[in-house]
Amino acid sequence: MYSVDINPADEDIVITGGGDDRAFLWHVSDPGAFVELAGHTDTVTKVAFSADGKLAATGGMDGLVKVWDVNSGALVTDLDGPDEIVVRAVSICVPLS
């Protein structure tokens, strides 16, 4: 696992990303309750929640930032760019207020 973030609106929900090209939304109180956020084709190096906890973003070395709806686990949009710049973009762009 390379990155973890705690949902600011619900501390029972965390997001993780790792070297297996996968990201997950987890419920701390029920580790068996998780949603895989599929679609990256390289290491997921950064994950983060929006300030209101409704959206989450994953950034990977595949050059993609994926934005997810936390309640449904559905993909909202993809942002495409150069690998290292995209990973930094998660840190800069995700804290939506």
C-alpha atoms as a PDB file:
ATOM      1  CA  MET A   1       0.000   0.000   0.000  1.00  0.00           C
ATOM      2  CA  TYR A   2       1.375   3.390  -1.020  1.00  0.00           C
ATOM      3  CA  SER A   3      -1.336   5.821   0.013  1.00  0.00           C
ATOM      4  CA  VAL A   4      -4.184   6.026   2.535  1.00  0.00           C
ATOM      5  CA  ASP A   5      -6.696   8.746   3.358  1.00  0.00           C
ATOM      6  CA  ILE A   6      -9.545   8.976   5.876  1.00  0.00           C
ATOM      7  CA  ASN A   7     -12.875  10.419   4.794  1.00  0.00           C
ATOM      8  CA  PRO A   8     -13.261  13.791   6.565  1.00  0.00           C
ATOM      9  CA  ALA A   9     -17.055  13.400   6.684  1.00  0.00           C
ATOM     10  CA  ASP A  10     -17.083   9.787   7.918  1.00  0.00           C
ATOM     11  CA  GLU A  11     -14.003   8.422   9.665  1.00  0.00           C
ATOM     12  CA  ASP A  12     -15.299   4.877   9.163  1.00  0.00           C
ATOM     13  CA  ILE A  13     -14.454   5.143   5.445  1.00  0.00           C
ATOM     14  CA  VAL A  14     -10.876   5.015   4.172  1.00  0.00           C
ATOM     15  CA  ILE A  15      -9.357   4.840   0.706  1.00  0.00           C
ATOM     16  CA  THR A  16      -6.147   2.996  -0.147  1.00  0.00           C
ATOM     17  CA  GLY A  17      -3.968   2.656  -3.228  1.00  0.00           C
ATOM     18  CA  GLY A  18      -1.001   0.436  -3.950  1.00  0.00           C
ATOM     19  CA  GLY A  19       1.549  -1.217  -6.152  1.00  0.00           C
ATOM     20  CA  ASP A  20      -0.937  -3.814  -7.366  1.00  0.00           C
ATOM     21  CA  ASP A  21      -2.557  -1.135  -9.591  1.00  0.00           C
ATOM     22  CA  ARG A  22      -5.669  -1.142  -7.398  1.00  0.00           C
ATOM     23  CA  ALA A  23      -7.487   1.232  -5.077  1.00  0.00           C
ATOM     24  CA  PHE A  24     -10.172   0.410  -2.537  1.00  0.00           C
ATOM     25  CA  LEU A  25     -12.788   2.116  -0.377  1.00  0.00           C
ATOM     26  CA  TRP A  26     -12.982   0.370   3.020  1.00  0.00           C
ATOM     27  CA  HIS A  27     -15.234   0.504   6.065  1.00  0.00           C
ATOM     28  CA  VAL A  28     -13.009   0.376   9.134  1.00  0.00           C
ATOM     29  CA  SER A  29     -15.783  -1.136  11.247  1.00  0.00           C
ATOM     30  CA  ASP A  30     -16.323  -3.937   8.695  1.00  0.00           C
ATOM     31  CA  PRO A  31     -13.095  -4.825   6.821  1.00  0.00           C
ATOM     32  CA  GLY A  32     -15.054  -7.235   4.637  1.00  0.00           C
ATOM     33  CA  ALA A  33     -17.107  -4.343   3.282  1.00  0.00           C
ATOM     34  CA  PHE A  34     -14.982  -2.787   0.559  1.00  0.00           C
ATOM     35  CA  VAL A  35     -15.333  -1.533  -2.996  1.00  0.00           C
ATOM     36  CA  GLU A  36     -12.558  -1.910  -5.548  1.00  0.00           C
ATOM     37  CA  LEU A  37     -12.001   1.233  -7.589  1.00  0.00           C
ATOM     38  CA  ALA A  38     -10.832  -0.495 -10.756  1.00  0.00           C
ATOM     39  CA  GLY A  39      -9.263   0.912 -13.858  1.00  0.00           C
ATOM     40  CA  HIS A  40      -5.660   1.914 -13.189  1.00  0.00           C
ATOM     41  CA  THR A  41      -3.041   0.049 -15.198  1.00  0.00           C
ATOM     42  CA  ASP A  42      -0.040   0.987 -13.057  1.00  0.00           C
ATOM     43  CA  THR A  43       0.758   1.679  -9.403  1.00  0.00           C
ATOM     44  CA  VAL A  44      -1.763   3.847  -7.529  1.00  0.00           C
ATOM     45  CA  THR A  45       0.548   6.210  -5.662  1.00  0.00           C
ATOM     46  CA  LYS A  46      -1.872   8.808  -4.286  1.00  0.00           C
ATOM     47  CA  VAL A  47      -5.429   8.775  -2.970  1.00  0.00           C
ATOM     48  CA  ALA A  48      -7.469  11.549  -1.360  1.00  0.00           C
ATOM     49  CA  PHE A  49     -10.994  12.566  -0.397  1.00  0.00           C
ATOM     50  CA  SER A  50     -12.652  15.863  -1.209  1.00  0.00           C
ATOM     51  CA  ALA A  51     -13.237  18.184   1.747  1.00  0.00           C
ATOM     52  CA  ASP A  52     -16.913  17.190   1.938  1.00  0.00           C
ATOM     53  CA  GLY A  53     -16.087  13.460   1.692  1.00  0.00           C
ATOM     54  CA  LYS A  54     -18.418  12.887  -1.261  1.00  0.00           C
ATOM     55  CA  LEU A  55     -15.694  12.379  -3.865  1.00  0.00           C
ATOM     56  CA  ALA A  56     -12.391  10.562  -3.845  1.00  0.00           C
ATOM     57  CA  ALA A  57      -9.511  10.674  -6.295  1.00  0.00           C
ATOM     58  CA  THR A  58      -6.866   8.128  -7.175  1.00  0.00           C
ATOM     59  CA  GLY A  59      -3.664   9.001  -9.010  1.00  0.00           C
ATOM     60  CA  GLY A  60      -1.523   6.428 -10.710  1.00  0.00           C
ATOM     61  CA  MET A  61       1.732   6.044 -12.546  1.00  0.00           C
ATOM     62  CA  ASP A  62      -0.411   5.248 -15.589  1.00  0.00           C
ATOM     63  CA  GLY A  63      -0.884   9.011 -15.957  1.00  0.00           C
ATOM     64  CA  LEU A  64      -4.500   9.023 -14.792  1.00  0.00           C
ATOM     65  CA  VAL A  65      -6.396  10.687 -11.997  1.00  0.00           C
ATOM     66  CA  LYS A  66      -9.739   9.002 -11.489  1.00  0.00           C
ATOM     67  CA  VAL A  67     -12.497  10.737  -9.535  1.00  0.00           C
ATOM     68  CA  TRP A  68     -15.000   8.495  -7.769  1.00  0.00           C
ATOM     69  CA  ASP A  69     -18.375   8.906  -6.079  1.00  0.00           C
ATOM     70  CA  VAL A  70     -17.812   7.653  -2.531  1.00  0.00           C
ATOM     71  CA  ASN A  71     -21.405   6.496  -1.907  1.00  0.00           C
ATOM     72  CA  SER A  72     -21.695   4.338  -5.019  1.00  0.00           C
ATOM     73  CA  GLY A  73     -18.059   3.662  -5.933  1.00  0.00           C
ATOM     74  CA  ALA A  74     -18.897   4.806  -9.468  1.00  0.00           C
ATOM     75  CA  LEU A  75     -16.315   6.519 -11.642  1.00  0.00           C
ATOM     76  CA  VAL A  76     -17.198  10.186 -12.112  1.00  0.00           C
ATOM     77  CA  THR A  77     -14.419  11.200 -14.507  1.00  0.00           C
ATOM     78  CA  ASP A  78     -10.880  10.496 -15.706  1.00  0.00           C
ATOM     79  CA  LEU A  79      -8.187  13.153 -15.953  1.00  0.00           C
ATOM     80  CA  ASP A  80      -5.276  12.246 -18.212  1.00  0.00           C
ATOM     81  CA  GLY A  81      -1.780  13.667 -18.118  1.00  0.00           C
ATOM     82  CA  PRO A  82       1.912  12.944 -17.725  1.00  0.00           C
ATOM     83  CA  ASP A  83       2.603  10.368 -15.008  1.00  0.00           C
ATOM     84  CA  GLU A  84       4.329  12.383 -12.284  1.00  0.00           C
ATOM     85  CA  ILE A  85       2.284  15.536 -12.863  1.00  0.00           C
ATOM     86  CA  VAL A  86      -0.978  13.612 -12.493  1.00  0.00           C
ATOM     87  CA  VAL A  87       0.077  12.103  -9.169  1.00  0.00           C
ATOM     88  CA  ARG A  88       0.870  15.583  -7.842  1.00  0.00           C
ATOM     89  CA  ALA A  89      -2.474  16.841  -9.186  1.00  0.00           C
ATOM     90  CA  VAL A  90      -4.353  14.603  -6.745  1.00  0.00           C
ATOM     91  CA  SER A  91      -2.684  16.425  -3.849  1.00  0.00           C
ATOM     92  CA  ILE A  92      -3.424  19.831  -5.304  1.00  0.00           C
ATOM     93  CA  CYS A  93      -6.881  19.334  -6.829  1.00  0.00           C
ATOM     94  CA  VAL A  94      -8.730  16.928  -4.599  1.00  0.00           C
ATOM     95  CA  PRO A  95      -9.273  19.093  -1.531  1.00  0.00           C
ATOM     96  CA  LEU A  96     -12.479  20.490  -3.008  1.00  0.00           C
ATOM     97  CA  SER A  97     -14.280  22.845  -0.698  1.00  0.00           C
END
